[in-house]
């Protein structure tokens, strides 16, 4: 079953996606990589049945992707406001 402390996987997914980007992966693929990593964590790490693992993995990956997107937009807005 999904526990609240498993939400700590979201920053881990963000960190791994950032490593891929610094390794040369185009930024436009980062949401897809986040969802794939979330699915892998949901299926293999959480250790529930496959259906629940997929749902939890999608939740983790999409959350990580949304967190990245919203923080990126906030930083761009901050730069625009300070100009």
Protein backbone atom coordinates (compact mmCIF):
# COMPACT_ATOMS: atom_id res chain seq x y z
CA UNK A 1 0.00 0.00 0.00
CA UNK A 2 1.15 3.52 -0.74
CA UNK A 3 2.50 5.25 2.33
CA UNK A 4 2.87 8.96 2.84
CA UNK A 5 6.67 8.73 3.09
CA UNK A 6 6.77 7.37 -0.48
CA UNK A 7 6.05 10.92 -1.64
CA UNK A 8 9.79 11.46 -1.07
CA UNK A 9 10.22 9.60 -4.37
CA UNK A 10 9.06 12.72 -6.24
CA UNK A 11 12.25 14.75 -5.55
CA UNK A 12 14.25 11.63 -6.33
CA UNK A 13 12.58 11.40 -9.74
CA UNK A 14 13.29 15.11 -10.27
CA UNK A 15 16.95 14.56 -9.42
CA UNK A 16 17.33 11.65 -11.82
CA UNK A 17 15.62 13.61 -14.61
CA UNK A 18 18.01 16.50 -13.94
CA UNK A 19 20.95 14.08 -14.28
CA UNK A 20 19.61 12.95 -17.65
CA UNK A 21 19.27 16.56 -18.78
CA UNK A 22 22.83 17.39 -17.74
CA UNK A 23 23.93 14.27 -19.58
CA UNK A 24 22.61 15.71 -22.82
CA UNK A 25 18.96 14.68 -22.96
CA UNK A 26 16.78 17.36 -24.60
CA UNK A 27 14.63 19.22 -22.06
CA UNK A 28 11.44 18.51 -24.02
CA UNK A 29 11.70 14.82 -23.05
CA UNK A 30 11.95 15.41 -19.30
CA UNK A 31 8.19 14.96 -18.59
CA UNK A 32 8.23 11.60 -20.38
CA UNK A 33 11.28 10.46 -18.46
CA UNK A 34 9.65 11.59 -15.18
CA UNK A 35 6.53 9.54 -15.92
CA UNK A 36 8.56 6.50 -16.92
CA UNK A 37 10.67 6.73 -13.75
CA UNK A 38 7.51 7.20 -11.69
CA UNK A 39 6.02 4.09 -13.25
CA UNK A 40 9.17 2.09 -12.54
CA UNK A 41 9.20 3.22 -8.91
CA UNK A 42 5.48 2.55 -8.58
CA UNK A 43 5.69 -0.95 -9.99
CA UNK A 44 8.99 -2.17 -8.55
CA UNK A 45 9.67 -0.11 -5.42
CA UNK A 46 6.22 0.29 -3.89
CA UNK A 47 5.69 -3.46 -4.21
CA UNK A 48 1.93 -3.62 -4.60
CA UNK A 49 -0.03 -5.38 -7.30
CA UNK A 50 0.65 -4.23 -10.86
CA UNK A 51 -2.53 -2.14 -11.27
CA UNK A 52 -1.95 -0.19 -8.08
CA UNK A 53 1.74 0.17 -8.92
CA UNK A 54 0.87 1.71 -12.29
CA UNK A 55 -1.58 4.16 -10.74
CA UNK A 56 0.85 5.16 -8.00
CA UNK A 57 3.70 5.38 -10.52
CA UNK A 58 1.69 7.65 -12.77
CA UNK A 59 0.83 9.82 -9.80
CA UNK A 60 4.50 10.08 -8.80
CA UNK A 61 5.75 10.75 -12.34
CA UNK A 62 3.09 13.31 -13.17
CA UNK A 63 3.63 15.03 -9.82
CA UNK A 64 7.35 15.26 -10.47
CA UNK A 65 6.72 16.55 -13.97
CA UNK A 66 4.27 19.18 -12.73
CA UNK A 67 6.59 20.24 -9.92
CA UNK A 68 9.41 20.73 -12.42
CA UNK A 69 7.19 22.65 -14.83
CA UNK A 70 5.73 24.97 -12.20
CA UNK A 71 9.11 25.75 -10.64
CA UNK A 72 10.58 26.43 -14.09
CA UNK A 73 7.72 28.80 -14.91
CA UNK A 74 8.14 30.58 -11.57
CA UNK A 75 11.85 31.11 -12.20
CA UNK A 76 11.18 32.46 -15.70
CA UNK A 77 8.57 34.84 -14.30
CA UNK A 78 11.01 36.02 -11.63
CA UNK A 79 13.65 36.75 -14.28
CA UNK A 80 11.10 38.61 -16.39
CA UNK A 81 9.91 40.71 -13.40
CA UNK A 82 13.45 41.69 -12.40
CA UNK A 83 14.31 42.89 -15.93
